[in-house]
Amino acid sequence: MPAANPATILARYNGSVPIQLIAMDLDGTLLHTEGHVPAANARAIREAAARGVEIVIVTGRRFTSARTIAAEIACDVHLICSNGALIKSCDGTTHFRQLLPAPTARAVLEATAEFRGSAGVIFDRPRERQIYFERVDWEGPFVGPYLRRHRDQVAEVSPLTQCLDGEDPVEILYLDTCSRVTRASKLLESLAPERKFTLALTEYPHRDLSMLDVLALGVNKGTALAEWARLRGVPRENVMAIGDNWNDREMLEYAGLPIVMGNSIPELKSLGWSVTGTNDACGLAEAIHRHVLRDVSRQSKGGMS
């Protein structure tokens, strides 16, 4: 998706239009840095949902992981997972799915042998064998703690291409230091036009941690959010999106009201969008109160007069 003109972005949102759908990222947005859902965020989300606003989590995480977090909010939530490849309800019902063709996945893995140790292949499966690695470093600083919590969903196979036995995966994930993921990204960018796939980058420089997703052509958070809004009959101008990282840009460009977290990467802050507090200061709750609950309250009073 081409970069948007900040003036156009700001002009697109009419402050008098009520928000009908809130699309929110997880890590760095809804979640505290320590990984939990702050009580203030959960309360604001539940109050918005109780007033008829639809809540959608839009994340790079797998469905199983995202659903666990959604359960903490304790209200009706839909999930856009794997950076837009899947749209599901919390009960597992699939509304949209765009998988990475197995031949494309194989070509990507063969072209990135240098980075095979940090690559995982993710499938849309109910429980076992959701993630394949060539070798799992259970004590590793990046994926070790996460994988130990999901041992029953992880499998090992060598070479990694053997997991591509005819079933298309959701994505290939590279998780490593920022410098190594940057190198992998540059290599894959040179292959993308020929092999026809999409890349989604998430960076946390303060942790020296990056994640690079290889997805089917055209898949991103923005296209998935647009598809869900279409299915739900919600106009673009009635959508608020909140995020903090590179992989959030397309959904922020799509939304009628884009909100950037205070802890966001500088590049998103430079686009002229409204900025809320940090994730550790419950900036998500702040944005919901400022842009949604206040407007709903004002409309209710107006309707009673």
Protein backbone atom coordinates (compact mmCIF):
# COMPACT_ATOMS: atom_id res chain seq x y z
CA MET A 1 0.00 0.00 0.00
CA PRO A 2 1.48 3.40 -0.93
CA ALA A 3 2.36 5.88 1.78
CA ALA A 4 -0.49 8.17 2.69
CA ASN A 5 -0.31 11.93 2.73
CA PRO A 6 -0.65 13.06 6.39
CA ALA A 7 -2.92 15.95 5.41
CA THR A 8 -5.21 13.53 3.59
CA ILE A 9 -5.25 11.20 6.60
CA LEU A 10 -6.25 13.96 8.99
CA ALA A 11 -8.86 15.39 6.65
CA ARG A 12 -10.47 11.98 6.15
CA TYR A 13 -11.73 11.73 9.73
CA ASN A 14 -14.81 13.73 10.66
CA GLY A 15 -14.78 14.25 14.42
CA SER A 16 -18.57 14.12 14.56
CA VAL A 17 -18.74 10.59 13.12
CA PRO A 18 -19.23 7.97 15.88
CA ILE A 19 -16.79 5.09 16.05
CA GLN A 20 -18.48 1.74 15.44
CA LEU A 21 -15.39 -0.48 15.41
CA ILE A 22 -12.11 -0.33 17.34
CA ALA A 23 -9.18 -2.26 15.84
CA MET A 24 -6.26 -2.67 18.24
CA ASP A 25 -2.81 -4.18 18.07
CA LEU A 26 -1.62 -6.36 20.99
CA ASP A 27 2.09 -6.06 21.75
CA GLY A 28 3.07 -2.49 22.47
CA THR A 29 -0.58 -1.37 22.34
CA LEU A 30 -3.15 -3.33 24.35
CA LEU A 31 -0.54 -5.19 26.39
CA HIS A 32 1.76 -3.82 29.08
CA THR A 33 5.45 -4.40 28.41
CA GLU A 34 5.33 -7.22 30.97
CA GLY A 35 2.76 -9.01 28.79
CA HIS A 36 -0.52 -8.57 30.69
CA VAL A 37 -3.70 -6.63 29.88
CA PRO A 38 -3.83 -3.56 32.14
CA ALA A 39 -7.11 -3.31 34.08
CA ALA A 40 -7.77 0.21 32.74
CA ASN A 41 -7.53 -1.03 29.16
CA ALA A 42 -9.87 -3.95 29.81
CA ARG A 43 -12.44 -1.68 31.50
CA ALA A 44 -12.42 0.84 28.66
CA ILE A 45 -12.80 -1.91 26.05
CA ARG A 46 -15.70 -3.53 27.93
CA GLU A 47 -17.46 -0.20 28.32
CA ALA A 48 -17.12 0.53 24.60
CA ALA A 49 -18.38 -2.96 23.75
CA ALA A 50 -21.32 -2.58 26.13
CA ARG A 51 -22.32 0.55 24.21
CA GLY A 52 -22.36 -1.30 20.89
CA VAL A 53 -18.83 -0.67 19.62
CA GLU A 54 -17.29 -3.71 17.94
CA ILE A 55 -13.88 -4.78 19.27
CA VAL A 56 -11.29 -6.37 16.98
CA ILE A 57 -7.80 -7.46 17.97
CA VAL A 58 -5.43 -7.13 15.00
CA THR A 59 -2.12 -8.85 15.68
CA GLY A 60 0.86 -10.60 14.21
CA ARG A 61 0.37 -13.38 16.75
CA ARG A 62 -1.12 -16.78 16.03
CA PHE A 63 -4.81 -17.33 16.71
CA THR A 64 -4.19 -19.56 19.75
CA SER A 65 -2.04 -16.92 21.41
CA ALA A 66 -4.38 -14.03 20.56
CA ARG A 67 -7.45 -15.89 21.82
CA THR A 68 -5.82 -16.41 25.23
CA ILE A 69 -5.36 -12.65 25.59
CA ALA A 70 -8.86 -11.89 24.31
CA ALA A 71 -10.25 -14.05 27.13
CA GLU A 72 -8.73 -11.62 29.66
CA ILE A 73 -10.88 -8.78 28.33
CA ALA A 74 -14.12 -10.69 29.02
CA CYS A 75 -16.27 -9.27 26.24
CA ASP A 76 -17.14 -10.15 22.64
CA VAL A 77 -13.97 -9.84 20.55
CA HIS A 78 -13.04 -10.88 17.02
CA LEU A 79 -9.47 -11.65 15.99
CA ILE A 80 -7.42 -10.73 12.93
CA CYS A 81 -4.31 -12.87 13.35
CA SER A 82 -0.95 -13.52 11.67
CA ASN A 83 -0.83 -9.94 10.35
CA GLY A 84 -4.08 -10.33 8.42
CA ALA A 85 -3.85 -13.89 7.07
CA LEU A 86 -6.71 -15.10 9.30
CA ILE A 87 -9.93 -13.59 10.67
CA LYS A 88 -11.57 -15.71 13.36
CA SER A 89 -14.07 -15.58 16.18
CA CYS A 90 -12.85 -16.65 19.60
CA ASP A 91 -14.74 -19.94 19.24
CA GLY A 92 -12.51 -20.82 16.29
CA THR A 93 -14.94 -19.97 13.49
CA THR A 94 -12.95 -18.82 10.45
CA HIS A 95 -14.34 -15.85 8.51
CA PHE A 96 -11.38 -15.21 6.21
CA ARG A 97 -8.19 -17.09 5.40
CA GLN A 98 -5.42 -16.35 2.91
CA LEU A 99 -2.57 -18.86 3.17
CA LEU A 100 0.97 -18.78 1.80
CA PRO A 101 1.21 -21.28 -1.10
CA ALA A 102 3.45 -24.21 -0.14
CA PRO A 103 5.65 -23.87 -3.28
CA THR A 104 6.27 -20.21 -2.39
CA ALA A 105 7.08 -21.13 1.20
CA ARG A 106 9.54 -23.77 0.01
CA ALA A 107 11.28 -21.28 -2.30
CA VAL A 108 11.56 -18.77 0.55
CA LEU A 109 13.11 -21.31 2.91
CA GLU A 110 15.54 -22.55 0.27
CA ALA A 111 16.65 -18.98 -0.48
CA THR A 112 17.26 -18.14 3.19
CA ALA A 113 19.34 -21.12 4.36
CA GLU A 114 21.58 -18.75 6.34
CA PHE A 115 18.60 -17.78 8.53
CA ARG A 116 16.99 -21.22 8.80
CA GLY A 117 17.87 -21.46 12.51
CA SER A 118 15.59 -18.52 13.32
CA ALA A 119 12.76 -19.52 10.98
CA GLY A 120 9.44 -21.10 11.92
CA VAL A 121 6.63 -22.32 9.66
CA ILE A 122 3.13 -21.70 11.06
CA PHE A 123 0.00 -23.66 10.14
CA ASP A 124 -3.69 -23.06 10.84
CA ARG A 125 -4.35 -26.16 12.97
CA PRO A 126 -6.48 -26.76 16.08
CA ARG A 127 -3.74 -27.84 18.46
CA GLU A 128 -0.67 -29.99 17.72
CA ARG A 129 2.02 -29.17 15.16
CA GLN A 130 1.03 -25.55 14.65
CA ILE A 131 4.66 -24.36 14.47
CA TYR A 132 7.59 -26.17 12.89
CA PHE A 133 11.25 -25.38 13.53
CA GLU A 134 14.32 -27.12 12.21
CA ARG A 135 15.69 -27.15 15.74
CA VAL A 136 14.11 -25.65 18.83
CA ASP A 137 16.35 -23.79 21.25
CA TRP A 138 14.13 -24.19 24.30
CA GLU A 139 16.48 -22.02 26.37
CA GLY A 140 17.02 -19.37 23.70
CA PRO A 141 16.54 -15.71 24.69
CA PHE A 142 14.03 -14.94 21.93
CA VAL A 143 11.66 -17.86 21.39
CA GLY A 144 12.62 -20.10 24.30
CA PRO A 145 10.26 -18.68 26.99
CA TYR A 146 7.36 -18.46 24.53
CA LEU A 147 7.80 -21.95 23.10
CA ARG A 148 8.09 -23.57 26.53
CA ARG A 149 4.54 -22.37 27.22
CA HIS A 150 3.29 -23.97 23.98
CA ARG A 151 5.28 -27.22 23.79
CA ASP A 152 2.32 -29.24 22.55
CA GLN A 153 1.94 -26.90 19.56
CA VAL A 154 5.59 -27.06 18.46
CA ALA A 155 7.27 -29.67 16.26
CA GLU A 156 10.78 -30.15 14.89
CA VAL A 157 11.69 -31.38 11.42
CA SER A 158 14.95 -31.29 9.47
CA PRO A 159 15.22 -29.98 6.88
CA LEU A 160 12.45 -27.51 7.64
CA THR A 161 11.08 -27.78 4.11
CA GLN A 162 9.80 -31.28 4.95
CA CYS A 163 6.86 -29.77 6.86
CA LEU A 164 5.53 -28.49 3.53
CA ASP A 165 3.85 -31.78 2.66
CA GLY A 166 1.01 -30.38 0.58
CA GLU A 167 -0.72 -28.19 3.17
CA ASP A 168 -0.27 -24.46 2.71
CA PRO A 169 1.08 -22.68 5.81
CA VAL A 170 -0.23 -19.42 7.20
CA GLU A 171 3.22 -17.84 7.14
CA ILE A 172 6.94 -18.19 7.67
CA LEU A 173 8.29 -16.30 10.69
CA TYR A 174 11.89 -15.14 11.18
CA LEU A 175 12.65 -14.10 14.75
CA ASP A 176 16.12 -12.87 15.63
CA THR A 177 18.23 -9.81 16.43
CA CYS A 178 17.42 -6.61 14.57
CA SER A 179 20.56 -6.78 12.45
CA ARG A 180 20.02 -10.38 11.32
CA VAL A 181 16.36 -9.80 10.52
CA THR A 182 17.32 -6.71 8.53
CA ARG A 183 19.68 -8.84 6.45
CA ALA A 184 17.00 -11.48 5.94
CA SER A 185 14.50 -8.79 4.97
CA LYS A 186 16.79 -7.30 2.33
CA LEU A 187 17.35 -10.74 0.82
CA LEU A 188 13.63 -11.50 0.73
CA GLU A 189 12.74 -8.08 -0.67
CA SER A 190 14.79 -8.94 -3.74
CA LEU A 191 12.78 -12.14 -4.19
CA ALA A 192 9.30 -10.81 -3.42
CA PRO A 193 8.36 -9.49 -6.90
CA GLU A 194 9.22 -12.81 -8.55
CA ARG A 195 7.89 -15.15 -5.86
CA LYS A 196 4.83 -13.02 -5.07
CA PHE A 197 4.66 -12.76 -1.30
CA THR A 198 4.29 -9.99 1.28
CA LEU A 199 6.64 -9.09 4.14
CA ALA A 200 5.53 -7.72 7.52
CA LEU A 201 8.17 -6.35 9.90
CA THR A 202 7.90 -5.76 13.65
CA GLU A 203 10.87 -4.23 15.48
CA TYR A 204 11.72 -3.68 19.13
CA PRO A 205 15.16 -1.98 19.02
CA HIS A 206 15.32 -1.57 22.82
CA ARG A 207 15.18 -5.38 23.08
CA ASP A 208 17.28 -6.00 19.94
CA LEU A 209 14.41 -8.16 18.71
CA SER A 210 12.77 -8.24 15.28
CA MET A 211 10.11 -10.41 13.67
CA LEU A 212 9.67 -10.76 9.93
CA ASP A 213 6.59 -12.52 8.56
CA VAL A 214 6.41 -13.90 5.02
CA LEU A 215 2.74 -13.92 3.99
CA ALA A 216 0.65 -14.50 0.91
CA LEU A 217 0.66 -11.71 -1.64
CA GLY A 218 -1.47 -8.76 -0.53
CA VAL A 219 -1.89 -9.88 3.08
CA ASN A 220 -1.51 -7.23 5.75
CA LYS A 221 -3.46 -5.87 8.72
CA GLY A 222 -5.03 -3.13 6.61
CA THR A 223 -6.52 -5.36 3.90
CA ALA A 224 -7.87 -7.77 6.52
CA LEU A 225 -9.42 -4.94 8.55
CA ALA A 226 -11.01 -3.55 5.37
CA GLU A 227 -12.46 -6.98 4.60
CA TRP A 228 -13.86 -7.40 8.11
CA ALA A 229 -15.38 -3.91 8.09
CA ARG A 230 -17.00 -4.75 4.75
CA LEU A 231 -18.43 -8.00 6.10
CA ARG A 232 -19.79 -6.17 9.15
CA GLY A 233 -21.15 -3.25 7.15
CA VAL A 234 -19.04 -0.68 8.99
CA PRO A 235 -17.93 2.33 6.89
CA ARG A 236 -14.25 3.14 6.88
CA GLU A 237 -14.80 6.51 8.54
CA ASN A 238 -16.39 4.76 11.53
CA VAL A 239 -13.27 2.64 12.23
CA MET A 240 -10.65 3.58 14.81
CA ALA A 241 -7.29 1.73 14.69
CA ILE A 242 -4.53 1.85 17.29
CA GLY A 243 -0.98 0.55 16.82
CA ASP A 244 2.71 1.08 17.42
CA ASN A 245 4.87 -0.71 14.85
CA TRP A 246 5.72 -1.16 11.17
CA ASN A 247 3.17 -3.94 10.69
CA ASP A 248 0.38 -1.62 11.91
CA ARG A 249 0.88 1.01 9.23
CA GLU A 250 -1.59 -0.38 6.65
CA MET A 251 -4.42 -0.67 9.16
CA LEU A 252 -3.73 2.85 10.42
CA GLU A 253 -3.80 4.13 6.84
CA TYR A 254 -7.14 2.38 6.29
CA ALA A 255 -8.90 3.57 9.46
CA GLY A 256 -11.01 6.70 9.56
CA LEU A 257 -9.37 7.51 12.91
CA PRO A 258 -5.76 6.30 13.21
CA ILE A 259 -4.18 6.50 16.68
CA VAL A 260 -0.47 5.97 17.33
CA MET A 261 0.85 4.80 20.70
CA GLY A 262 3.28 7.00 22.62
CA ASN A 263 5.82 4.18 22.53
CA SER A 264 5.46 3.81 18.76
CA ILE A 265 8.36 3.68 16.34
CA PRO A 266 9.27 7.25 15.31
CA GLU A 267 8.27 6.68 11.69
CA LEU A 268 4.58 6.27 12.59
CA LYS A 269 4.63 9.37 14.79
CA SER A 270 5.99 11.39 11.87
CA LEU A 271 2.85 10.84 9.75
CA GLY A 272 0.70 13.38 11.56
CA TRP A 273 -1.70 10.97 13.24
CA SER A 274 -3.07 11.50 16.75
CA VAL A 275 -0.72 10.16 19.45
CA THR A 276 -1.93 8.71 22.74
CA GLY A 277 -0.03 7.59 25.86
CA THR A 278 2.36 4.65 26.03
CA ASN A 279 1.29 1.04 26.48
CA ASP A 280 2.64 1.05 30.04
CA ALA A 281 0.57 4.18 30.80
CA CYS A 282 -2.65 2.64 29.39
CA GLY A 283 -2.60 4.80 26.27
CA LEU A 284 -5.19 2.51 24.68
CA ALA A 285 -7.71 3.29 27.43
CA GLU A 286 -6.89 6.98 27.09
CA ALA A 287 -7.66 6.89 23.37
CA ILE A 288 -10.93 5.02 23.86
CA HIS A 289 -12.12 7.49 26.49
CA ARG A 290 -11.07 10.49 24.41
CA HIS A 291 -12.41 9.43 21.03
CA VAL A 292 -15.14 6.87 21.68
CA LEU A 293 -16.73 6.88 25.12
CA ARG A 294 -16.98 10.66 25.29
CA ASP A 295 -18.68 10.76 21.87
CA VAL A 296 -21.07 7.93 22.77
CA SER A 297 -21.96 9.66 26.03
CA ARG A 298 -22.61 12.94 24.22
CA GLN A 299 -24.83 11.21 21.65
CA SER A 300 -26.84 9.46 24.38
CA LYS A 301 -27.53 12.77 26.08
CA GLY A 302 -28.48 14.30 22.78
CA GLY A 303 -30.88 11.47 22.04
CA MET A 304 -32.65 11.92 25.36
CA SER A 305 -33.30 15.60 24.94
